[in-house]
């Protein structure tokens, strides 16, 4: 019985507390005009903190290395690469001196180098026939030129004709062989045969020496200086290869069949010459008097500057004249 009274008393007290709380909440709602806030439910968990990530160490920044510019004018930048900074920069102060003013290239001293002659192009084979007049005698002479572009062979054959040929049946044969260089002809061998007498000469370019083997007697040696010497045949075609001359005088060392002589030829100019081939425009050259007799030559300007007339005399005063009769091709 006593316990029932205590339980009833506790229930009454609990009801009074709930009624009081309810009435308090209603009174608060009326005063603030908003419902009483309901406290949120907070749930706490223990979680291990993640390990902090350390960013990789960056290498220290270095200014870009500026290579020296080569000594040449800089290439123009494309339009997209031109910025306000480049436009504002001082072009004189920014360009190295070696770029702003390129060093002048050395100029070769060409005054010490003699210009090489421009050689005329000759056919690989040329056949020429001349009429020969020697005092009251007459005869014929053929001149044959054969070349492969680097070497040449010249052969001259002369024989008496008419009544003189009855008493003199021998032939006069000369041959010249050698090389074709940028300067012209360089004879290496020369033969001279008159009837049964024969002599020869050989030129040693490495030692600048001519060796003559006469028809009789021991060999004779001649030292040469300056340009390569010519012989009595090669001189004709040396004129043809190097014409027209740029000077009024031409100097050559010539082997005349017996010895070496220094000759000077004067350019007389152009002459119109009547020949068996018609009227030809020629270049007239005359050898200066030197005790070896007279020598004149006419070169056909429109026929590869080939010799079409030769007038010469020996030391005894005997004159020989050659006049062209045909040229092939």
C-alpha atoms as a PDB file:
ATOM      1  CA  UNK A   1       0.000   0.000   0.000  1.00  0.00           C
ATOM      2  CA  UNK A   2       2.804   2.254   0.871  1.00  0.00           C
ATOM      3  CA  UNK A   3       4.525   1.487  -2.452  1.00  0.00           C
ATOM      4  CA  UNK A   4       1.477   2.409  -4.439  1.00  0.00           C
ATOM      5  CA  UNK A   5       1.422   5.830  -2.856  1.00  0.00           C
ATOM      6  CA  UNK A   6       5.081   6.393  -3.813  1.00  0.00           C
ATOM      7  CA  UNK A   7       4.567   5.324  -7.452  1.00  0.00           C
ATOM      8  CA  UNK A   8       1.548   7.603  -7.779  1.00  0.00           C
ATOM      9  CA  UNK A   9       3.429  10.478  -6.323  1.00  0.00           C
ATOM     10  CA  UNK A  10       6.317   9.977  -8.824  1.00  0.00           C
ATOM     11  CA  UNK A  11       3.922   9.760 -11.771  1.00  0.00           C
ATOM     12  CA  UNK A  12       2.218  13.009 -10.726  1.00  0.00           C
ATOM     13  CA  UNK A  13       5.562  14.783 -10.470  1.00  0.00           C
ATOM     14  CA  UNK A  14       6.586  13.533 -13.948  1.00  0.00           C
ATOM     15  CA  UNK A  15       3.339  14.761 -15.491  1.00  0.00           C
ATOM     16  CA  UNK A  16       3.786  18.161 -13.920  1.00  0.00           C
ATOM     17  CA  UNK A  17       7.327  18.454 -15.345  1.00  0.00           C
ATOM     18  CA  UNK A  18       6.220  17.532 -18.898  1.00  0.00           C
ATOM     19  CA  UNK A  19       3.287  19.961 -18.742  1.00  0.00           C
ATOM     20  CA  UNK A  20       5.646  22.709 -17.571  1.00  0.00           C
ATOM     21  CA  UNK A  21       8.117  22.106 -20.390  1.00  0.00           C
ATOM     22  CA  UNK A  22       5.329  22.075 -22.979  1.00  0.00           C
ATOM     23  CA  UNK A  23       3.887  25.321 -21.729  1.00  0.00           C
ATOM     24  CA  UNK A  24       7.378  26.933 -21.702  1.00  0.00           C
ATOM     25  CA  UNK A  25       7.981  25.972 -25.322  1.00  0.00           C
ATOM     26  CA  UNK A  26       4.616  27.409 -26.413  1.00  0.00           C
ATOM     27  CA  UNK A  27       5.291  30.652 -24.654  1.00  0.00           C
ATOM     28  CA  UNK A  28       8.715  30.965 -26.399  1.00  0.00           C
ATOM     29  CA  UNK A  29       7.139  30.322 -29.775  1.00  0.00           C
ATOM     30  CA  UNK A  30       4.675  33.090 -29.267  1.00  0.00           C
ATOM     31  CA  UNK A  31       7.295  35.585 -28.216  1.00  0.00           C
ATOM     32  CA  UNK A  32       9.894  34.960 -31.082  1.00  0.00           C
ATOM     33  CA  UNK A  33       7.441  33.979 -33.817  1.00  0.00           C
ATOM     34  CA  UNK A  34       9.664  31.033 -34.871  1.00  0.00           C
ATOM     35  CA  UNK A  35       9.545  27.494 -33.735  1.00  0.00           C
ATOM     36  CA  UNK A  36      12.061  26.529 -31.161  1.00  0.00           C
ATOM     37  CA  UNK A  37      15.210  25.144 -32.852  1.00  0.00           C
ATOM     38  CA  UNK A  38      15.811  21.502 -32.554  1.00  0.00           C
ATOM     39  CA  UNK A  39      19.434  20.824 -31.714  1.00  0.00           C
ATOM     40  CA  UNK A  40      21.143  18.773 -34.519  1.00  0.00           C
ATOM     41  CA  UNK A  41      22.362  15.348 -33.883  1.00  0.00           C
ATOM     42  CA  UNK A  42      26.149  15.370 -33.735  1.00  0.00           C
ATOM     43  CA  UNK A  43      28.002  12.139 -34.333  1.00  0.00           C
ATOM     44  CA  UNK A  44      31.744  12.057 -33.668  1.00  0.00           C
ATOM     45  CA  UNK A  45      34.213   9.504 -35.132  1.00  0.00           C
ATOM     46  CA  UNK A  46      37.916   9.116 -34.667  1.00  0.00           C
ATOM     47  CA  UNK A  47      39.675   8.901 -38.094  1.00  0.00           C
ATOM     48  CA  UNK A  48      43.437   8.783 -38.654  1.00  0.00           C
ATOM     49  CA  UNK A  49      44.657  11.946 -40.332  1.00  0.00           C
ATOM     50  CA  UNK A  50      46.230  11.326 -43.802  1.00  0.00           C
ATOM     51  CA  UNK A  51      49.952  11.818 -44.134  1.00  0.00           C
ATOM     52  CA  UNK A  52      50.820  15.191 -45.557  1.00  0.00           C
ATOM     53  CA  UNK A  53      52.330  14.968 -49.080  1.00  0.00           C
ATOM     54  CA  UNK A  54      55.510  16.953 -49.539  1.00  0.00           C
ATOM     55  CA  UNK A  55      55.832  18.395 -53.073  1.00  0.00           C
ATOM     56  CA  UNK A  56      59.052  17.351 -54.908  1.00  0.00           C
ATOM     57  CA  UNK A  57      61.900  19.742 -54.564  1.00  0.00           C
ATOM     58  CA  UNK A  58      62.256  21.944 -57.686  1.00  0.00           C
ATOM     59  CA  UNK A  59      65.782  22.643 -58.968  1.00  0.00           C
ATOM     60  CA  UNK A  60      66.819  26.237 -58.620  1.00  0.00           C
ATOM     61  CA  UNK A  61      65.972  28.279 -61.697  1.00  0.00           C
ATOM     62  CA  UNK A  62      68.976  29.408 -63.704  1.00  0.00           C
ATOM     63  CA  UNK A  63      68.911  32.141 -66.274  1.00  0.00           C
ATOM     64  CA  UNK A  64      69.191  30.743 -69.837  1.00  0.00           C
ATOM     65  CA  UNK A  65      72.717  30.711 -71.202  1.00  0.00           C
ATOM     66  CA  UNK A  66      73.188  33.139 -74.065  1.00  0.00           C
ATOM     67  CA  UNK A  67      75.459  31.701 -76.758  1.00  0.00           C
ATOM     68  CA  UNK A  68      77.493  34.240 -78.693  1.00  0.00           C
ATOM     69  CA  UNK A  69      75.939  35.037 -82.021  1.00  0.00           C
ATOM     70  CA  UNK A  70      77.914  34.106 -85.161  1.00  0.00           C
ATOM     71  CA  UNK A  71      79.382  36.875 -87.227  1.00  0.00           C
ATOM     72  CA  UNK A  72      76.521  37.103 -89.688  1.00  0.00           C
ATOM     73  CA  UNK A  73      73.376  39.123 -90.074  1.00  0.00           C
ATOM     74  CA  UNK A  74      70.532  37.752 -87.846  1.00  0.00           C
ATOM     75  CA  UNK A  75      67.541  36.208 -89.565  1.00  0.00           C
ATOM     76  CA  UNK A  76      64.341  38.250 -89.301  1.00  0.00           C
ATOM     77  CA  UNK A  77      61.928  37.125 -86.586  1.00  0.00           C
ATOM     78  CA  UNK A  78      58.423  36.022 -87.617  1.00  0.00           C
ATOM     79  CA  UNK A  79      55.684  38.525 -86.913  1.00  0.00           C
ATOM     80  CA  UNK A  80      54.201  36.334 -84.154  1.00  0.00           C
ATOM     81  CA  UNK A  81      57.479  36.461 -82.221  1.00  0.00           C
ATOM     82  CA  UNK A  82      57.735  40.252 -82.195  1.00  0.00           C
ATOM     83  CA  UNK A  83      56.610  41.535 -78.787  1.00  0.00           C
ATOM     84  CA  UNK A  84      56.359  44.952 -77.205  1.00  0.00           C
ATOM     85  CA  UNK A  85      59.639  44.287 -75.399  1.00  0.00           C
ATOM     86  CA  UNK A  86      61.477  43.613 -78.689  1.00  0.00           C
ATOM     87  CA  UNK A  87      60.000  46.690 -80.270  1.00  0.00           C
ATOM     88  CA  UNK A  88      60.991  48.831 -77.295  1.00  0.00           C
ATOM     89  CA  UNK A  89      64.552  47.479 -77.189  1.00  0.00           C
ATOM     90  CA  UNK A  90      67.386  49.545 -78.589  1.00  0.00           C
ATOM     91  CA  UNK A  91      68.520  47.632 -81.733  1.00  0.00           C
ATOM     92  CA  UNK A  92      71.989  49.143 -81.696  1.00  0.00           C
ATOM     93  CA  UNK A  93      72.731  48.276 -78.063  1.00  0.00           C
ATOM     94  CA  UNK A  94      71.244  44.777 -78.289  1.00  0.00           C
ATOM     95  CA  UNK A  95      73.097  43.571 -81.411  1.00  0.00           C
ATOM     96  CA  UNK A  96      76.744  42.577 -80.876  1.00  0.00           C
ATOM     97  CA  UNK A  97      79.331  44.495 -82.813  1.00  0.00           C
ATOM     98  CA  UNK A  98      80.274  41.418 -84.850  1.00  0.00           C
ATOM     99  CA  UNK A  99      76.680  41.174 -86.088  1.00  0.00           C
ATOM    100  CA  UNK A 100      76.046  44.854 -86.585  1.00  0.00           C
ATOM    101  CA  UNK A 101      79.173  45.191 -88.747  1.00  0.00           C
ATOM    102  CA  UNK A 102      80.262  41.857 -90.311  1.00  0.00           C
ATOM    103  CA  UNK A 103      83.972  41.478 -90.783  1.00  0.00           C
ATOM    104  CA  UNK A 104      85.033  42.038 -94.372  1.00  0.00           C
ATOM    105  CA  UNK A 105      86.291  38.917 -96.125  1.00  0.00           C
ATOM    106  CA  UNK A 106      89.882  39.047 -97.344  1.00  0.00           C
ATOM    107  CA  UNK A 107      90.152  39.841-101.023  1.00  0.00           C
ATOM    108  CA  UNK A 108      92.479  37.649-103.019  1.00  0.00           C
ATOM    109  CA  UNK A 109      95.320  39.480-104.608  1.00  0.00           C
ATOM    110  CA  UNK A 110      94.698  38.674-108.248  1.00  0.00           C
ATOM    111  CA  UNK A 111      97.197  41.237-109.479  1.00  0.00           C
ATOM    112  CA  UNK A 112      99.991  38.689-108.990  1.00  0.00           C
ATOM    113  CA  UNK A 113      98.195  35.978-110.975  1.00  0.00           C
ATOM    114  CA  UNK A 114      98.417  36.304-114.745  1.00  0.00           C
ATOM    115  CA  UNK A 115      95.063  35.523-116.377  1.00  0.00           C
ATOM    116  CA  UNK A 116      94.992  32.388-118.459  1.00  0.00           C
ATOM    117  CA  UNK A 117      94.173  32.816-122.148  1.00  0.00           C
ATOM    118  CA  UNK A 118      90.844  31.553-123.399  1.00  0.00           C
ATOM    119  CA  UNK A 119      91.715  28.902-125.966  1.00  0.00           C
ATOM    120  CA  UNK A 120      89.792  28.716-129.225  1.00  0.00           C
ATOM    121  CA  UNK A 121      88.058  25.439-130.020  1.00  0.00           C
ATOM    122  CA  UNK A 122      89.646  23.614-132.956  1.00  0.00           C
ATOM    123  CA  UNK A 123      88.266  20.576-134.810  1.00  0.00           C
ATOM    124  CA  UNK A 124      89.923  17.274-133.822  1.00  0.00           C
ATOM    125  CA  UNK A 125      91.388  16.975-137.343  1.00  0.00           C
ATOM    126  CA  UNK A 126      92.353  19.687-139.807  1.00  0.00           C
ATOM    127  CA  UNK A 127      93.926  19.087-143.238  1.00  0.00           C
ATOM    128  CA  UNK A 128      95.568  22.079-144.905  1.00  0.00           C
ATOM    129  CA  UNK A 129      97.323  22.304-148.272  1.00  0.00           C
ATOM    130  CA  UNK A 130      99.650  25.122-149.288  1.00  0.00           C
ATOM    131  CA  UNK A 131     101.444  26.209-152.446  1.00  0.00           C
ATOM    132  CA  UNK A 132     105.134  26.779-151.747  1.00  0.00           C
ATOM    133  CA  UNK A 133     107.292  29.257-153.627  1.00  0.00           C
ATOM    134  CA  UNK A 134     111.061  29.189-153.048  1.00  0.00           C
ATOM    135  CA  UNK A 135     112.870  31.520-155.443  1.00  0.00           C
ATOM    136  CA  UNK A 136     112.245  30.065-158.924  1.00  0.00           C
ATOM    137  CA  UNK A 137     111.222  26.695-157.475  1.00  0.00           C
ATOM    138  CA  UNK A 138     107.739  25.699-156.421  1.00  0.00           C
ATOM    139  CA  UNK A 139     106.216  22.913-154.441  1.00  0.00           C
ATOM    140  CA  UNK A 140     103.378  21.773-152.206  1.00  0.00           C
ATOM    141  CA  UNK A 141     103.143  21.461-148.454  1.00  0.00           C
ATOM    142  CA  UNK A 142     100.493  19.689-146.388  1.00  0.00           C
ATOM    143  CA  UNK A 143      99.825  20.420-142.736  1.00  0.00           C
ATOM    144  CA  UNK A 144      97.852  17.919-140.644  1.00  0.00           C
ATOM    145  CA  UNK A 145      96.489  18.676-137.161  1.00  0.00           C
ATOM    146  CA  UNK A 146      95.150  15.807-134.999  1.00  0.00           C
ATOM    147  CA  UNK A 147      93.992  16.280-131.386  1.00  0.00           C
ATOM    148  CA  UNK A 148      92.062  14.335-128.761  1.00  0.00           C
ATOM    149  CA  UNK A 149      91.551  17.407-126.566  1.00  0.00           C
ATOM    150  CA  UNK A 150      94.538  16.795-124.294  1.00  0.00           C
ATOM    151  CA  UNK A 151      97.295  15.833-126.758  1.00  0.00           C
ATOM    152  CA  UNK A 152      98.092  16.897-130.300  1.00  0.00           C
ATOM    153  CA  UNK A 153     100.170  15.809-133.284  1.00  0.00           C
ATOM    154  CA  UNK A 154     101.225  18.150-136.094  1.00  0.00           C
ATOM    155  CA  UNK A 155     102.808  16.835-139.285  1.00  0.00           C
ATOM    156  CA  UNK A 156     104.152  18.908-142.186  1.00  0.00           C
ATOM    157  CA  UNK A 157     105.238  17.357-145.476  1.00  0.00           C
ATOM    158  CA  UNK A 158     106.768  19.478-148.263  1.00  0.00           C
ATOM    159  CA  UNK A 159     107.868  18.286-151.708  1.00  0.00           C
ATOM    160  CA  UNK A 160     109.069  19.981-154.880  1.00  0.00           C
ATOM    161  CA  UNK A 161     106.813  20.000-157.944  1.00  0.00           C
ATOM    162  CA  UNK A 162     107.218  20.741-161.625  1.00  0.00           C
ATOM    163  CA  UNK A 163     110.661  20.727-163.187  1.00  0.00           C
ATOM    164  CA  UNK A 164     112.356  21.081-159.814  1.00  0.00           C
ATOM    165  CA  UNK A 165     110.764  17.839-158.718  1.00  0.00           C
ATOM    166  CA  UNK A 166     112.587  15.991-161.465  1.00  0.00           C
ATOM    167  CA  UNK A 167     115.956  16.934-159.988  1.00  0.00           C
ATOM    168  CA  UNK A 168     114.922  16.889-156.350  1.00  0.00           C
ATOM    169  CA  UNK A 169     112.646  14.061-155.297  1.00  0.00           C
ATOM    170  CA  UNK A 170     113.301  14.208-151.553  1.00  0.00           C
ATOM    171  CA  UNK A 171     110.713  15.320-149.036  1.00  0.00           C
ATOM    172  CA  UNK A 172     110.990  17.674-146.098  1.00  0.00           C
ATOM    173  CA  UNK A 173     109.034  16.253-143.106  1.00  0.00           C
ATOM    174  CA  UNK A 174     108.557  17.818-139.684  1.00  0.00           C
ATOM    175  CA  UNK A 175     106.494  16.436-136.777  1.00  0.00           C
ATOM    176  CA  UNK A 176     105.554  17.986-133.438  1.00  0.00           C
ATOM    177  CA  UNK A 177     103.838  16.144-130.587  1.00  0.00           C
ATOM    178  CA  UNK A 178     102.839  17.347-127.155  1.00  0.00           C
ATOM    179  CA  UNK A 179     100.131  18.306-124.709  1.00  0.00           C
ATOM    180  CA  UNK A 180      97.338  20.876-124.729  1.00  0.00           C
ATOM    181  CA  UNK A 181      97.402  22.914-121.510  1.00  0.00           C
ATOM    182  CA  UNK A 182      95.349  25.904-120.303  1.00  0.00           C
ATOM    183  CA  UNK A 183      98.169  28.097-121.686  1.00  0.00           C
ATOM    184  CA  UNK A 184      98.075  26.433-125.095  1.00  0.00           C
ATOM    185  CA  UNK A 185     100.438  23.921-126.700  1.00  0.00           C
ATOM    186  CA  UNK A 186     103.332  22.343-124.824  1.00  0.00           C
ATOM    187  CA  UNK A 187     105.587  20.486-127.279  1.00  0.00           C
ATOM    188  CA  UNK A 188     107.268  17.356-125.983  1.00  0.00           C
ATOM    189  CA  UNK A 189     108.866  15.863-129.130  1.00  0.00           C
ATOM    190  CA  UNK A 190     109.980  17.300-132.454  1.00  0.00           C
ATOM    191  CA  UNK A 191     111.383  15.534-135.554  1.00  0.00           C
ATOM    192  CA  UNK A 192     113.006  17.084-138.601  1.00  0.00           C
ATOM    193  CA  UNK A 193     113.855  14.956-141.630  1.00  0.00           C
ATOM    194  CA  UNK A 194     115.371  16.358-144.824  1.00  0.00           C
ATOM    195  CA  UNK A 195     116.045  13.628-147.352  1.00  0.00           C
ATOM    196  CA  UNK A 196     118.237  11.156-145.479  1.00  0.00           C
ATOM    197  CA  UNK A 197     119.261  13.522-142.683  1.00  0.00           C
ATOM    198  CA  UNK A 198     117.186  13.315-139.519  1.00  0.00           C
ATOM    199  CA  UNK A 199     117.332  15.193-136.222  1.00  0.00           C
ATOM    200  CA  UNK A 200     115.068  15.227-133.173  1.00  0.00           C
ATOM    201  CA  UNK A 201     114.455  17.209-130.008  1.00  0.00           C
ATOM    202  CA  UNK A 202     112.778  16.383-126.731  1.00  0.00           C
ATOM    203  CA  UNK A 203     111.474  18.837-124.183  1.00  0.00           C
ATOM    204  CA  UNK A 204     111.640  17.940-120.488  1.00  0.00           C
ATOM    205  CA  UNK A 205     109.027  20.169-118.831  1.00  0.00           C
ATOM    206  CA  UNK A 206     109.905  18.982-115.307  1.00  0.00           C
ATOM    207  CA  UNK A 207     113.475  20.287-115.689  1.00  0.00           C
ATOM    208  CA  UNK A 208     112.757  23.050-118.268  1.00  0.00           C
ATOM    209  CA  UNK A 209     115.271  21.644-120.717  1.00  0.00           C
ATOM    210  CA  UNK A 210     115.359  20.940-124.449  1.00  0.00           C
ATOM    211  CA  UNK A 211     117.627  18.184-125.720  1.00  0.00           C
ATOM    212  CA  UNK A 212     118.531  18.267-129.417  1.00  0.00           C
ATOM    213  CA  UNK A 213     119.865  15.172-131.088  1.00  0.00           C
ATOM    214  CA  UNK A 214     121.288  16.448-134.399  1.00  0.00           C
ATOM    215  CA  UNK A 215     121.826  14.399-137.553  1.00  0.00           C
ATOM    216  CA  UNK A 216     125.505  14.236-136.625  1.00  0.00           C
ATOM    217  CA  UNK A 217     127.395  14.988-133.475  1.00  0.00           C
ATOM    218  CA  UNK A 218     126.576  14.646-129.766  1.00  0.00           C
ATOM    219  CA  UNK A 219     123.247  15.769-128.201  1.00  0.00           C
ATOM    220  CA  UNK A 220     122.946  19.401-127.216  1.00  0.00           C
ATOM    221  CA  UNK A 221     121.020  20.688-124.202  1.00  0.00           C
ATOM    222  CA  UNK A 222     119.179  23.994-123.852  1.00  0.00           C
ATOM    223  CA  UNK A 223     117.785  25.337-120.583  1.00  0.00           C
ATOM    224  CA  UNK A 224     114.539  27.282-120.838  1.00  0.00           C
ATOM    225  CA  UNK A 225     113.050  29.972-118.624  1.00  0.00           C
ATOM    226  CA  UNK A 226     109.614  31.518-118.424  1.00  0.00           C
ATOM    227  CA  UNK A 227     106.820  30.120-120.580  1.00  0.00           C
ATOM    228  CA  UNK A 228     107.025  26.752-122.311  1.00  0.00           C
ATOM    229  CA  UNK A 229     108.849  27.068-125.634  1.00  0.00           C
ATOM    230  CA  UNK A 230     107.244  26.376-129.008  1.00  0.00           C
ATOM    231  CA  UNK A 231     108.753  24.665-132.032  1.00  0.00           C
ATOM    232  CA  UNK A 232     108.623  25.632-135.714  1.00  0.00           C
ATOM    233  CA  UNK A 233     105.261  23.843-136.198  1.00  0.00           C
ATOM    234  CA  UNK A 234     103.469  24.276-132.867  1.00  0.00           C
ATOM    235  CA  UNK A 235     103.922  28.051-133.069  1.00  0.00           C
ATOM    236  CA  UNK A 236     101.398  28.250-135.954  1.00  0.00           C
ATOM    237  CA  UNK A 237      98.657  26.585-133.913  1.00  0.00           C
ATOM    238  CA  UNK A 238      99.641  28.356-130.711  1.00  0.00           C
ATOM    239  CA  UNK A 239      98.710  31.557-132.533  1.00  0.00           C
ATOM    240  CA  UNK A 240      95.402  29.976-133.624  1.00  0.00           C
ATOM    241  CA  UNK A 241      94.467  28.774-130.123  1.00  0.00           C
ATOM    242  CA  UNK A 242      95.203  32.044-128.313  1.00  0.00           C
ATOM    243  CA  UNK A 243      94.030  34.616-130.922  1.00  0.00           C
ATOM    244  CA  UNK A 244      93.061  37.363-130.951  1.00  0.00           C
ATOM    245  CA  UNK A 245      95.930  38.731-128.869  1.00  0.00           C
ATOM    246  CA  UNK A 246      95.183  41.249-126.130  1.00  0.00           C
ATOM    247  CA  UNK A 247      98.542  42.979-126.562  1.00  0.00           C
ATOM    248  CA  UNK A 248     100.301  44.554-129.512  1.00  0.00           C
ATOM    249  CA  UNK A 249     103.451  42.473-128.954  1.00  0.00           C
ATOM    250  CA  UNK A 250     103.788  38.739-128.311  1.00  0.00           C
ATOM    251  CA  UNK A 251     106.966  37.132-126.972  1.00  0.00           C
ATOM    252  CA  UNK A 252     107.748  33.425-127.471  1.00  0.00           C
ATOM    253  CA  UNK A 253     110.731  31.153-127.037  1.00  0.00           C
ATOM    254  CA  UNK A 254     110.929  29.055-130.228  1.00  0.00           C
ATOM    255  CA  UNK A 255     113.000  26.023-131.138  1.00  0.00           C
ATOM    256  CA  UNK A 256     113.795  26.590-134.820  1.00  0.00           C
ATOM    257  CA  UNK A 257     115.237  23.132-135.432  1.00  0.00           C
ATOM    258  CA  UNK A 258     118.761  24.069-134.452  1.00  0.00           C
ATOM    259  CA  UNK A 259     118.561  26.109-131.258  1.00  0.00           C
ATOM    260  CA  UNK A 260     116.226  28.046-128.949  1.00  0.00           C
ATOM    261  CA  UNK A 261     115.574  31.691-129.793  1.00  0.00           C
ATOM    262  CA  UNK A 262     113.517  34.420-128.111  1.00  0.00           C
ATOM    263  CA  UNK A 263     111.242  36.077-130.664  1.00  0.00           C
ATOM    264  CA  UNK A 264     108.914  39.067-130.414  1.00  0.00           C
ATOM    265  CA  UNK A 265     105.952  39.406-132.792  1.00  0.00           C
ATOM    266  CA  UNK A 266     104.159  42.674-133.485  1.00  0.00           C
ATOM    267  CA  UNK A 267     100.422  42.667-134.181  1.00  0.00           C
ATOM    268  CA  UNK A 268      99.883  44.769-137.317  1.00  0.00           C
ATOM    269  CA  UNK A 269      96.081  44.503-137.322  1.00  0.00           C
ATOM    270  CA  UNK A 270      93.549  43.215-139.845  1.00  0.00           C
ATOM    271  CA  UNK A 271      94.181  42.740-143.568  1.00  0.00           C
ATOM    272  CA  UNK A 272      91.903  41.606-146.396  1.00  0.00           C
ATOM    273  CA  UNK A 273      93.780  38.823-148.183  1.00  0.00           C
ATOM    274  CA  UNK A 274      93.035  37.325-151.620  1.00  0.00           C
ATOM    275  CA  UNK A 275      93.464  33.533-151.509  1.00  0.00           C
ATOM    276  CA  UNK A 276      92.366  30.418-153.389  1.00  0.00           C
ATOM    277  CA  UNK A 277      89.499  30.263-150.864  1.00  0.00           C
ATOM    278  CA  UNK A 278      88.361  33.788-151.722  1.00  0.00           C
ATOM    279  CA  UNK A 279      88.853  37.048-149.896  1.00  0.00           C
ATOM    280  CA  UNK A 280      89.614  36.355-146.256  1.00  0.00           C
ATOM    281  CA  UNK A 281      89.705  38.670-143.272  1.00  0.00           C
ATOM    282  CA  UNK A 282      93.074  38.050-141.623  1.00  0.00           C
ATOM    283  CA  UNK A 283      95.150  39.111-138.631  1.00  0.00           C
ATOM    284  CA  UNK A 284      98.673  40.126-139.630  1.00  0.00           C
ATOM    285  CA  UNK A 285     101.656  39.431-137.312  1.00  0.00           C
ATOM    286  CA  UNK A 286     105.295  40.344-138.044  1.00  0.00           C
ATOM    287  CA  UNK A 287     108.379  39.154-136.200  1.00  0.00           C
ATOM    288  CA  UNK A 288     110.735  41.909-135.200  1.00  0.00           C
ATOM    289  CA  UNK A 289     114.140  41.965-136.889  1.00  0.00           C
ATOM    290  CA  UNK A 290     116.602  39.922-134.862  1.00  0.00           C
ATOM    291  CA  UNK A 291     119.202  38.563-137.297  1.00  0.00           C
ATOM    292  CA  UNK A 292     117.239  35.389-138.075  1.00  0.00           C
ATOM    293  CA  UNK A 293     115.621  36.733-141.205  1.00  0.00           C
ATOM    294  CA  UNK A 294     112.069  37.759-142.025  1.00  0.00           C
ATOM    295  CA  UNK A 295     108.888  36.148-140.730  1.00  0.00           C
ATOM    296  CA  UNK A 296     105.291  37.249-141.322  1.00  0.00           C
ATOM    297  CA  UNK A 297     102.063  35.320-140.867  1.00  0.00           C
ATOM    298  CA  UNK A 298      98.402  35.966-141.723  1.00  0.00           C
ATOM    299  CA  UNK A 299      95.692  34.207-139.634  1.00  0.00           C
ATOM    300  CA  UNK A 300      92.187  33.726-141.089  1.00  0.00           C
ATOM    301  CA  UNK A 301      89.865  35.255-138.497  1.00  0.00           C
ATOM    302  CA  UNK A 302      86.768  33.396-139.724  1.00  0.00           C
ATOM    303  CA  UNK A 303      88.597  30.077-140.147  1.00  0.00           C
ATOM    304  CA  UNK A 304      89.716  29.369-136.545  1.00  0.00           C
ATOM    305  CA  UNK A 305      92.625  31.833-136.956  1.00  0.00           C
ATOM    306  CA  UNK A 306      94.463  29.231-139.003  1.00  0.00           C
ATOM    307  CA  UNK A 307      97.554  30.361-140.946  1.00  0.00           C
ATOM    308  CA  UNK A 308      96.678  31.051-144.599  1.00  0.00           C
ATOM    309  CA  UNK A 309      99.848  32.843-145.660  1.00  0.00           C
ATOM    310  CA  UNK A 310     103.421  32.662-144.349  1.00  0.00           C
ATOM    311  CA  UNK A 311     106.332  34.710-145.654  1.00  0.00           C
ATOM    312  CA  UNK A 312     109.811  34.059-144.282  1.00  0.00           C
ATOM    313  CA  UNK A 313     113.484  34.224-145.220  1.00  0.00           C
ATOM    314  CA  UNK A 314     116.551  32.508-143.867  1.00  0.00           C
ATOM    315  CA  UNK A 315     119.807  34.076-142.727  1.00  0.00           C
ATOM    316  CA  UNK A 316     121.095  33.849-146.333  1.00  0.00           C
ATOM    317  CA  UNK A 317     118.239  35.948-147.662  1.00  0.00           C
ATOM    318  CA  UNK A 318     116.367  33.104-149.395  1.00  0.00           C
ATOM    319  CA  UNK A 319     112.600  33.749-149.198  1.00  0.00           C
ATOM    320  CA  UNK A 320     109.893  31.135-148.847  1.00  0.00           C
ATOM    321  CA  UNK A 321     106.171  31.880-149.241  1.00  0.00           C
ATOM    322  CA  UNK A 322     103.252  29.603-148.341  1.00  0.00           C
ATOM    323  CA  UNK A 323      99.729  30.324-149.626  1.00  0.00           C
ATOM    324  CA  UNK A 324      96.731  28.268-148.595  1.00  0.00           C
ATOM    325  CA  UNK A 325      94.977  26.189-151.268  1.00  0.00           C
ATOM    326  CA  UNK A 326      92.452  24.238-149.203  1.00  0.00           C
ATOM    327  CA  UNK A 327      91.264  23.700-145.618  1.00  0.00           C
ATOM    328  CA  UNK A 328      89.264  20.642-144.535  1.00  0.00           C
ATOM    329  CA  UNK A 329      86.977  20.641-142.796  1.00  0.00           C
END
